[in-house]
PDB file of N, CA and C in Angstrom:
ATOM      1  N   MET A   1      12.366 -41.316 -79.392  1.00  0.00           N
ATOM      2  CA  MET A   1      10.946 -41.338 -79.143  1.00  0.00           C
ATOM      3  C   MET A   1      10.596 -40.221 -78.154  1.00  0.00           C
ATOM      4  N   ASN A   2       9.710 -39.363 -78.540  1.00  0.00           N
ATOM      5  CA  ASN A   2       9.321 -38.231 -77.701  1.00  0.00           C
ATOM      6  C   ASN A   2       8.050 -38.593 -76.946  1.00  0.00           C
ATOM      7  N   LYS A   3       8.162 -38.733 -75.625  1.00  0.00           N
ATOM      8  CA  LYS A   3       7.007 -39.050 -74.784  1.00  0.00           C
ATOM      9  C   LYS A   3       6.602 -37.803 -74.011  1.00  0.00           C
ATOM     10  N   HIS A   4       5.553 -37.174 -74.446  1.00  0.00           N
ATOM     11  CA  HIS A   4       5.034 -36.029 -73.696  1.00  0.00           C
ATOM     12  C   HIS A   4       3.514 -36.066 -73.762  1.00  0.00           C
ATOM     13  N   TYR A   5       2.923 -35.520 -72.741  1.00  0.00           N
ATOM     14  CA  TYR A   5       1.475 -35.472 -72.674  1.00  0.00           C
ATOM     15  C   TYR A   5       0.996 -34.158 -73.279  1.00  0.00           C
ATOM     16  N   SER A   6       0.040 -34.275 -74.149  1.00  0.00           N
ATOM     17  CA  SER A   6      -0.461 -33.045 -74.753  1.00  0.00           C
ATOM     18  C   SER A   6      -1.352 -32.317 -73.752  1.00  0.00           C
ATOM     19  N   ILE A   7      -1.463 -31.047 -73.961  1.00  0.00           N
ATOM     20  CA  ILE A   7      -2.296 -30.193 -73.097  1.00  0.00           C
ATOM     21  C   ILE A   7      -3.745 -30.631 -73.177  1.00  0.00           C
ATOM     22  N   LYS A   8      -4.161 -31.216 -74.273  1.00  0.00           N
ATOM     23  CA  LYS A   8      -5.542 -31.648 -74.449  1.00  0.00           C
ATOM     24  C   LYS A   8      -5.903 -32.794 -73.512  1.00  0.00           C
ATOM     25  N   LYS A   9      -4.917 -33.577 -73.097  1.00  0.00           N
ATOM     26  CA  LYS A   9      -5.172 -34.730 -72.229  1.00  0.00           C
ATOM     27  C   LYS A   9      -5.232 -34.352 -70.746  1.00  0.00           C
ATOM     28  N   LEU A  10      -4.743 -33.187 -70.383  1.00  0.00           N
ATOM     29  CA  LEU A  10      -4.702 -32.803 -68.973  1.00  0.00           C
ATOM     30  C   LEU A  10      -6.090 -32.737 -68.327  1.00  0.00           C
ATOM     31  N   PRO A  11      -7.100 -32.129 -68.951  1.00  0.00           N
ATOM     32  CA  PRO A  11      -8.428 -32.133 -68.306  1.00  0.00           C
ATOM     33  C   PRO A  11      -8.951 -33.551 -68.063  1.00  0.00           C
ATOM     34  N   PHE A  12      -8.711 -34.436 -68.994  1.00  0.00           N
ATOM     35  CA  PHE A  12      -9.135 -35.830 -68.817  1.00  0.00           C
ATOM     36  C   PHE A  12      -8.418 -36.472 -67.642  1.00  0.00           C
ATOM     37  N   ILE A  13      -7.139 -36.229 -67.509  1.00  0.00           N
ATOM     38  CA  ILE A  13      -6.354 -36.801 -66.408  1.00  0.00           C
ATOM     39  C   ILE A  13      -6.848 -36.260 -65.068  1.00  0.00           C
ATOM     40  N   PHE A  14      -7.100 -34.952 -64.982  1.00  0.00           N
ATOM     41  CA  PHE A  14      -7.606 -34.368 -63.741  1.00  0.00           C
ATOM     42  C   PHE A  14      -8.994 -34.896 -63.398  1.00  0.00           C
ATOM     43  N   LEU A  15      -9.828 -35.068 -64.416  1.00  0.00           N
ATOM     44  CA  LEU A  15     -11.161 -35.606 -64.206  1.00  0.00           C
ATOM     45  C   LEU A  15     -11.082 -37.043 -63.694  1.00  0.00           C
ATOM     46  N   LEU A  16     -10.215 -37.815 -64.262  1.00  0.00           N
ATOM     47  CA  LEU A  16     -10.017 -39.196 -63.820  1.00  0.00           C
ATOM     48  C   LEU A  16      -9.529 -39.252 -62.376  1.00  0.00           C
ATOM     49  N   LEU A  17      -8.594 -38.411 -62.022  1.00  0.00           N
ATOM     50  CA  LEU A  17      -8.096 -38.361 -60.642  1.00  0.00           C
ATOM     51  C   LEU A  17      -9.191 -37.922 -59.673  1.00  0.00           C
ATOM     52  N   PHE A  18      -9.991 -36.947 -60.069  1.00  0.00           N
ATOM     53  CA  PHE A  18     -11.074 -36.464 -59.220  1.00  0.00           C
ATOM     54  C   PHE A  18     -12.068 -37.580 -58.920  1.00  0.00           C
ATOM     55  N   PHE A  19     -12.521 -38.293 -59.962  1.00  0.00           N
ATOM     56  CA  PHE A  19     -13.499 -39.359 -59.744  1.00  0.00           C
ATOM     57  C   PHE A  19     -12.904 -40.534 -58.988  1.00  0.00           C
ATOM     58  N   SER A  20     -11.622 -40.788 -59.168  1.00  0.00           N
ATOM     59  CA  SER A  20     -10.963 -41.845 -58.388  1.00  0.00           C
ATOM     60  C   SER A  20     -10.976 -41.500 -56.905  1.00  0.00           C
ATOM     61  N   CYS A  21     -10.711 -40.255 -56.584  1.00  0.00           N
ATOM     62  CA  CYS A  21     -10.738 -39.817 -55.181  1.00  0.00           C
ATOM     63  C   CYS A  21     -12.144 -39.891 -54.616  1.00  0.00           C
ATOM     64  N   GLU A  22     -13.155 -39.521 -55.412  1.00  0.00           N
ATOM     65  CA  GLU A  22     -14.548 -39.596 -54.967  1.00  0.00           C
ATOM     66  C   GLU A  22     -14.940 -41.033 -54.653  1.00  0.00           C
ATOM     67  N   ILE A  23     -14.539 -41.966 -55.500  1.00  0.00           N
ATOM     68  CA  ILE A  23     -14.865 -43.377 -55.282  1.00  0.00           C
ATOM     69  C   ILE A  23     -14.188 -43.888 -54.017  1.00  0.00           C
ATOM     70  N   ILE A  24     -12.948 -43.525 -53.814  1.00  0.00           N
ATOM     71  CA  ILE A  24     -12.226 -43.951 -52.600  1.00  0.00           C
ATOM     72  C   ILE A  24     -12.894 -43.367 -51.365  1.00  0.00           C
ATOM     73  N   ASP A  25     -13.327 -42.094 -51.417  1.00  0.00           N
ATOM     74  CA  ASP A  25     -14.035 -41.482 -50.289  1.00  0.00           C
ATOM     75  C   ASP A  25     -15.317 -42.229 -49.977  1.00  0.00           C
ATOM     76  N   GLU A  26     -16.060 -42.620 -51.012  1.00  0.00           N
ATOM     77  CA  GLU A  26     -17.306 -43.359 -50.799  1.00  0.00           C
ATOM     78  C   GLU A  26     -17.020 -44.712 -50.149  1.00  0.00           C
ATOM     79  N   LEU A  27     -15.964 -45.374 -50.547  1.00  0.00           N
ATOM     80  CA  LEU A  27     -15.647 -46.686 -49.990  1.00  0.00           C
ATOM     81  C   LEU A  27     -15.190 -46.595 -48.546  1.00  0.00           C
ATOM     82  N   THR A  28     -14.499 -45.551 -48.198  1.00  0.00           N
ATOM     83  CA  THR A  28     -14.002 -45.410 -46.828  1.00  0.00           C
ATOM     84  C   THR A  28     -15.012 -44.729 -45.916  1.00  0.00           C
ATOM     85  N   ASP A  29     -16.129 -44.308 -46.468  1.00  0.00           N
ATOM     86  CA  ASP A  29     -17.173 -43.636 -45.700  1.00  0.00           C
ATOM     87  C   ASP A  29     -17.926 -44.615 -44.800  1.00  0.00           C
ATOM     88  N   ILE A  30     -17.900 -45.897 -45.126  1.00  0.00           N
ATOM     89  CA  ILE A  30     -18.691 -46.895 -44.414  1.00  0.00           C
ATOM     90  C   ILE A  30     -17.875 -47.524 -43.286  1.00  0.00           C
ATOM     91  N   GLU A  31     -18.452 -47.505 -42.086  1.00  0.00           N
ATOM     92  CA  GLU A  31     -17.830 -48.132 -40.915  1.00  0.00           C
ATOM     93  C   GLU A  31     -18.677 -49.348 -40.526  1.00  0.00           C
ATOM     94  N   GLU A  32     -18.051 -50.505 -40.484  1.00  0.00           N
ATOM     95  CA  GLU A  32     -18.772 -51.715 -40.086  1.00  0.00           C
ATOM     96  C   GLU A  32     -18.671 -51.874 -38.572  1.00  0.00           C
ATOM     97  N   ILE A  33     -19.832 -52.066 -37.934  1.00  0.00           N
ATOM     98  CA  ILE A  33     -19.890 -52.184 -36.478  1.00  0.00           C
ATOM     99  C   ILE A  33     -20.409 -53.578 -36.143  1.00  0.00           C
ATOM    100  N   LYS A  34     -19.658 -54.298 -35.318  1.00  0.00           N
ATOM    101  CA  LYS A  34     -19.990 -55.682 -34.973  1.00  0.00           C
ATOM    102  C   LYS A  34     -21.264 -55.764 -34.152  1.00  0.00           C
ATOM    103  N   GLY A  35     -22.138 -56.680 -34.548  1.00  0.00           N
ATOM    104  CA  GLY A  35     -23.401 -56.903 -33.848  1.00  0.00           C
ATOM    105  C   GLY A  35     -23.260 -57.955 -32.784  1.00  0.00           C
ATOM    106  N   PRO A  36     -24.318 -58.247 -32.106  1.00  0.00           N
ATOM    107  CA  PRO A  36     -25.681 -57.785 -32.285  1.00  0.00           C
ATOM    108  C   PRO A  36     -25.832 -56.328 -31.861  1.00  0.00           C
ATOM    109  N   CYS A  37     -26.872 -55.679 -32.421  1.00  0.00           N
ATOM    110  CA  CYS A  37     -27.086 -54.253 -32.150  1.00  0.00           C
ATOM    111  C   CYS A  37     -28.543 -53.968 -31.784  1.00  0.00           C
ATOM    112  N   THR A  38     -28.711 -52.927 -31.019  1.00  0.00           N
ATOM    113  CA  THR A  38     -30.034 -52.401 -30.710  1.00  0.00           C
ATOM    114  C   THR A  38     -30.063 -50.956 -31.174  1.00  0.00           C
ATOM    115  N   ILE A  39     -31.059 -50.638 -32.003  1.00  0.00           N
ATOM    116  CA  ILE A  39     -31.212 -49.291 -32.531  1.00  0.00           C
ATOM    117  C   ILE A  39     -32.492 -48.705 -31.945  1.00  0.00           C
ATOM    118  N   VAL A  40     -32.376 -47.576 -31.277  1.00  0.00           N
ATOM    119  CA  VAL A  40     -33.531 -46.903 -30.693  1.00  0.00           C
ATOM    120  C   VAL A  40     -34.057 -45.902 -31.720  1.00  0.00           C
ATOM    121  N   LEU A  41     -35.305 -46.097 -32.138  1.00  0.00           N
ATOM    122  CA  LEU A  41     -35.918 -45.222 -33.126  1.00  0.00           C
ATOM    123  C   LEU A  41     -36.456 -43.954 -32.485  1.00  0.00           C
ATOM    124  N   THR A  42     -36.739 -42.957 -33.299  1.00  0.00           N
ATOM    125  CA  THR A  42     -37.217 -41.675 -32.770  1.00  0.00           C
ATOM    126  C   THR A  42     -38.582 -41.798 -32.100  1.00  0.00           C
ATOM    127  N   ASN A  43     -39.359 -42.821 -32.456  1.00  0.00           N
ATOM    128  CA  ASN A  43     -40.670 -42.997 -31.816  1.00  0.00           C
ATOM    129  C   ASN A  43     -40.575 -43.794 -30.514  1.00  0.00           C
ATOM    130  N   GLY A  44     -39.352 -44.149 -30.099  1.00  0.00           N
ATOM    131  CA  GLY A  44     -39.141 -44.863 -28.852  1.00  0.00           C
ATOM    132  C   GLY A  44     -39.052 -46.369 -28.986  1.00  0.00           C
ATOM    133  N   SER A  45     -39.482 -46.927 -30.119  1.00  0.00           N
ATOM    134  CA  SER A  45     -39.370 -48.374 -30.312  1.00  0.00           C
ATOM    135  C   SER A  45     -37.933 -48.740 -30.666  1.00  0.00           C
ATOM    136  N   THR A  46     -37.636 -50.030 -30.659  1.00  0.00           N
ATOM    137  CA  THR A  46     -36.278 -50.481 -30.934  1.00  0.00           C
ATOM    138  C   THR A  46     -36.267 -51.489 -32.078  1.00  0.00           C
ATOM    139  N   VAL A  47     -35.124 -51.557 -32.729  1.00  0.00           N
ATOM    140  CA  VAL A  47     -34.846 -52.565 -33.748  1.00  0.00           C
ATOM    141  C   VAL A  47     -33.688 -53.384 -33.221  1.00  0.00           C
ATOM    142  N   GLU A  48     -33.858 -54.698 -33.162  1.00  0.00           N
ATOM    143  CA  GLU A  48     -32.800 -55.606 -32.711  1.00  0.00           C
ATOM    144  C   GLU A  48     -32.206 -56.298 -33.932  1.00  0.00           C
ATOM    145  N   THR A  49     -30.888 -56.297 -34.043  1.00  0.00           N
ATOM    146  CA  THR A  49     -30.214 -57.016 -35.119  1.00  0.00           C
ATOM    147  C   THR A  49     -29.276 -58.041 -34.516  1.00  0.00           C
ATOM    148  N   THR A  50     -29.156 -59.172 -35.171  1.00  0.00           N
ATOM    149  CA  THR A  50     -28.214 -60.196 -34.717  1.00  0.00           C
ATOM    150  C   THR A  50     -26.900 -60.098 -35.469  1.00  0.00           C
ATOM    151  N   GLU A  51     -26.910 -59.374 -36.587  1.00  0.00           N
ATOM    152  CA  GLU A  51     -25.718 -59.237 -37.425  1.00  0.00           C
ATOM    153  C   GLU A  51     -25.096 -57.853 -37.258  1.00  0.00           C
ATOM    154  N   ASP A  52     -23.987 -57.636 -37.957  1.00  0.00           N
ATOM    155  CA  ASP A  52     -23.314 -56.348 -37.943  1.00  0.00           C
ATOM    156  C   ASP A  52     -24.182 -55.294 -38.616  1.00  0.00           C
ATOM    157  N   ILE A  53     -23.908 -54.038 -38.306  1.00  0.00           N
ATOM    158  CA  ILE A  53     -24.539 -52.930 -39.012  1.00  0.00           C
ATOM    159  C   ILE A  53     -23.438 -52.138 -39.712  1.00  0.00           C
ATOM    160  N   GLU A  54     -23.840 -51.333 -40.681  1.00  0.00           N
ATOM    161  CA  GLU A  54     -22.911 -50.428 -41.346  1.00  0.00           C
ATOM    162  C   GLU A  54     -23.386 -49.003 -41.123  1.00  0.00           C
ATOM    163  N   LEU A  55     -22.447 -48.133 -40.810  1.00  0.00           N
ATOM    164  CA  LEU A  55     -22.753 -46.728 -40.538  1.00  0.00           C
ATOM    165  C   LEU A  55     -22.017 -45.868 -41.549  1.00  0.00           C
ATOM    166  N   SER A  56     -22.751 -45.008 -42.233  1.00  0.00           N
ATOM    167  CA  SER A  56     -22.127 -44.032 -43.122  1.00  0.00           C
ATOM    168  C   SER A  56     -21.606 -42.897 -42.246  1.00  0.00           C
ATOM    169  N   VAL A  57     -20.313 -42.702 -42.257  1.00  0.00           N
ATOM    170  CA  VAL A  57     -19.707 -41.666 -41.429  1.00  0.00           C
ATOM    171  C   VAL A  57     -20.207 -40.286 -41.862  1.00  0.00           C
ATOM    172  N   ARG A  58     -20.365 -40.096 -43.152  1.00  0.00           N
ATOM    173  CA  ARG A  58     -20.761 -38.798 -43.684  1.00  0.00           C
ATOM    174  C   ARG A  58     -22.221 -38.470 -43.381  1.00  0.00           C
ATOM    175  N   THR A  59     -23.141 -39.418 -43.636  1.00  0.00           N
ATOM    176  CA  THR A  59     -24.573 -39.132 -43.478  1.00  0.00           C
ATOM    177  C   THR A  59     -25.159 -39.661 -42.178  1.00  0.00           C
ATOM    178  N   GLN A  60     -24.420 -40.519 -41.466  1.00  0.00           N
ATOM    179  CA  GLN A  60     -24.877 -41.166 -40.236  1.00  0.00           C
ATOM    180  C   GLN A  60     -26.040 -42.131 -40.482  1.00  0.00           C
ATOM    181  N   ALA A  61     -26.239 -42.568 -41.725  1.00  0.00           N
ATOM    182  CA  ALA A  61     -27.272 -43.560 -42.039  1.00  0.00           C
ATOM    183  C   ALA A  61     -26.791 -44.941 -41.601  1.00  0.00           C
ATOM    184  N   ILE A  62     -27.704 -45.725 -41.042  1.00  0.00           N
ATOM    185  CA  ILE A  62     -27.405 -47.087 -40.603  1.00  0.00           C
ATOM    186  C   ILE A  62     -28.032 -48.060 -41.591  1.00  0.00           C
ATOM    187  N   THR A  63     -27.260 -49.058 -42.010  1.00  0.00           N
ATOM    188  CA  THR A  63     -27.773 -50.124 -42.865  1.00  0.00           C
ATOM    189  C   THR A  63     -27.631 -51.431 -42.100  1.00  0.00           C
ATOM    190  N   TYR A  64     -28.697 -52.236 -42.110  1.00  0.00           N
ATOM    191  CA  TYR A  64     -28.703 -53.499 -41.384  1.00  0.00           C
ATOM    192  C   TYR A  64     -29.597 -54.492 -42.112  1.00  0.00           C
ATOM    193  N   ARG A  65     -29.556 -55.750 -41.681  1.00  0.00           N
ATOM    194  CA  ARG A  65     -30.438 -56.782 -42.221  1.00  0.00           C
ATOM    195  C   ARG A  65     -31.494 -57.098 -41.176  1.00  0.00           C
ATOM    196  N   ASP A  66     -32.764 -57.141 -41.623  1.00  0.00           N
ATOM    197  CA  ASP A  66     -33.851 -57.443 -40.698  1.00  0.00           C
ATOM    198  C   ASP A  66     -33.924 -58.958 -40.465  1.00  0.00           C
ATOM    199  N   VAL A  67     -34.934 -59.422 -39.719  1.00  0.00           N
ATOM    200  CA  VAL A  67     -35.047 -60.843 -39.374  1.00  0.00           C
ATOM    201  C   VAL A  67     -35.243 -61.720 -40.605  1.00  0.00           C
ATOM    202  N   ASN A  68     -35.741 -61.140 -41.698  1.00  0.00           N
ATOM    203  CA  ASN A  68     -35.921 -61.872 -42.957  1.00  0.00           C
ATOM    204  C   ASN A  68     -34.719 -61.732 -43.881  1.00  0.00           C
ATOM    205  N   LYS A  69     -33.628 -61.163 -43.357  1.00  0.00           N
ATOM    206  CA  LYS A  69     -32.373 -60.951 -44.089  1.00  0.00           C
ATOM    207  C   LYS A  69     -32.493 -59.910 -45.199  1.00  0.00           C
ATOM    208  N   LYS A  70     -33.539 -59.082 -45.142  1.00  0.00           N
ATOM    209  CA  LYS A  70     -33.681 -58.004 -46.115  1.00  0.00           C
ATOM    210  C   LYS A  70     -32.864 -56.807 -45.654  1.00  0.00           C
ATOM    211  N   LEU A  71     -32.233 -56.142 -46.602  1.00  0.00           N
ATOM    212  CA  LEU A  71     -31.410 -54.979 -46.312  1.00  0.00           C
ATOM    213  C   LEU A  71     -32.302 -53.775 -46.013  1.00  0.00           C
ATOM    214  N   ARG A  72     -32.052 -53.125 -44.889  1.00  0.00           N
ATOM    215  CA  ARG A  72     -32.828 -51.964 -44.451  1.00  0.00           C
ATOM    216  C   ARG A  72     -31.881 -50.809 -44.133  1.00  0.00           C
ATOM    217  N   SER A  73     -32.377 -49.604 -44.278  1.00  0.00           N
ATOM    218  CA  SER A  73     -31.587 -48.411 -43.937  1.00  0.00           C
ATOM    219  C   SER A  73     -32.407 -47.472 -43.071  1.00  0.00           C
ATOM    220  N   LEU A  74     -31.725 -46.846 -42.139  1.00  0.00           N
ATOM    221  CA  LEU A  74     -32.322 -45.822 -41.286  1.00  0.00           C
ATOM    222  C   LEU A  74     -31.473 -44.566 -41.407  1.00  0.00           C
ATOM    223  N   PHE A  75     -32.119 -43.446 -41.670  1.00  0.00           N
ATOM    224  CA  PHE A  75     -31.393 -42.197 -41.744  1.00  0.00           C
ATOM    225  C   PHE A  75     -31.327 -41.559 -40.364  1.00  0.00           C
ATOM    226  N   LYS A  76     -30.457 -40.598 -40.192  1.00  0.00           N
ATOM    227  CA  LYS A  76     -30.192 -40.002 -38.882  1.00  0.00           C
ATOM    228  C   LYS A  76     -31.466 -39.501 -38.203  1.00  0.00           C
ATOM    229  N   ASN A  77     -32.413 -38.986 -38.970  1.00  0.00           N
ATOM    230  CA  ASN A  77     -33.641 -38.489 -38.342  1.00  0.00           C
ATOM    231  C   ASN A  77     -34.626 -39.615 -38.012  1.00  0.00           C
ATOM    232  N   ASP A  78     -34.284 -40.876 -38.378  1.00  0.00           N
ATOM    233  CA  ASP A  78     -35.134 -42.031 -38.077  1.00  0.00           C
ATOM    234  C   ASP A  78     -34.782 -42.697 -36.745  1.00  0.00           C
ATOM    235  N   TYR A  79     -33.589 -42.447 -36.223  1.00  0.00           N
ATOM    236  CA  TYR A  79     -33.168 -43.111 -34.988  1.00  0.00           C
ATOM    237  C   TYR A  79     -32.514 -42.128 -34.021  1.00  0.00           C
ATOM    238  N   GLN A  80     -32.578 -42.494 -32.731  1.00  0.00           N
ATOM    239  CA  GLN A  80     -31.981 -41.672 -31.677  1.00  0.00           C
ATOM    240  C   GLN A  80     -30.556 -42.115 -31.364  1.00  0.00           C
ATOM    241  N   SER A  81     -30.375 -43.449 -31.249  1.00  0.00           N
ATOM    242  CA  SER A  81     -29.071 -43.982 -30.865  1.00  0.00           C
ATOM    243  C   SER A  81     -28.983 -45.451 -31.251  1.00  0.00           C
ATOM    244  N   TYR A  82     -27.796 -45.999 -31.093  1.00  0.00           N
ATOM    245  CA  TYR A  82     -27.597 -47.433 -31.315  1.00  0.00           C
ATOM    246  C   TYR A  82     -26.492 -47.919 -30.368  1.00  0.00           C
ATOM    247  N   THR A  83     -26.601 -49.165 -29.969  1.00  0.00           N
ATOM    248  CA  THR A  83     -25.556 -49.813 -29.181  1.00  0.00           C
ATOM    249  C   THR A  83     -25.310 -51.181 -29.780  1.00  0.00           C
ATOM    250  N   CYS A  84     -24.054 -51.572 -29.807  1.00  0.00           N
ATOM    251  CA  CYS A  84     -23.676 -52.862 -30.404  1.00  0.00           C
ATOM    252  C   CYS A  84     -22.700 -53.597 -29.518  1.00  0.00           C
ATOM    253  N   GLY A  85     -22.658 -54.891 -29.709  1.00  0.00           N
ATOM    254  CA  GLY A  85     -21.747 -55.738 -28.953  1.00  0.00           C
ATOM    255  C   GLY A  85     -22.485 -56.669 -28.027  1.00  0.00           C
ATOM    256  N   ASN A  86     -21.772 -57.627 -27.523  1.00  0.00           N
ATOM    257  CA  ASN A  86     -22.393 -58.625 -26.640  1.00  0.00           C
ATOM    258  C   ASN A  86     -22.650 -58.063 -25.320  1.00  0.00           C
TER     259      ASN A  86
END
């Protein structure tokens, strides 16, 4: 039995490996930070969260749940800083 990969399958294999790496990068891009947290917005007001927040390492976007448990996101130009922990 001759087991060899044809040259025609190589682009497909490389494409599959590329997208697998992209998916893994996206999954590891998110850092979970233990709450409660205070986020200082660019206008000087604050957002208080009782739960954890998630920070995208690549884009610096913060995702959190508001008081109604709705998912919210703030992009880097929307906030100045954040602090978390008791």
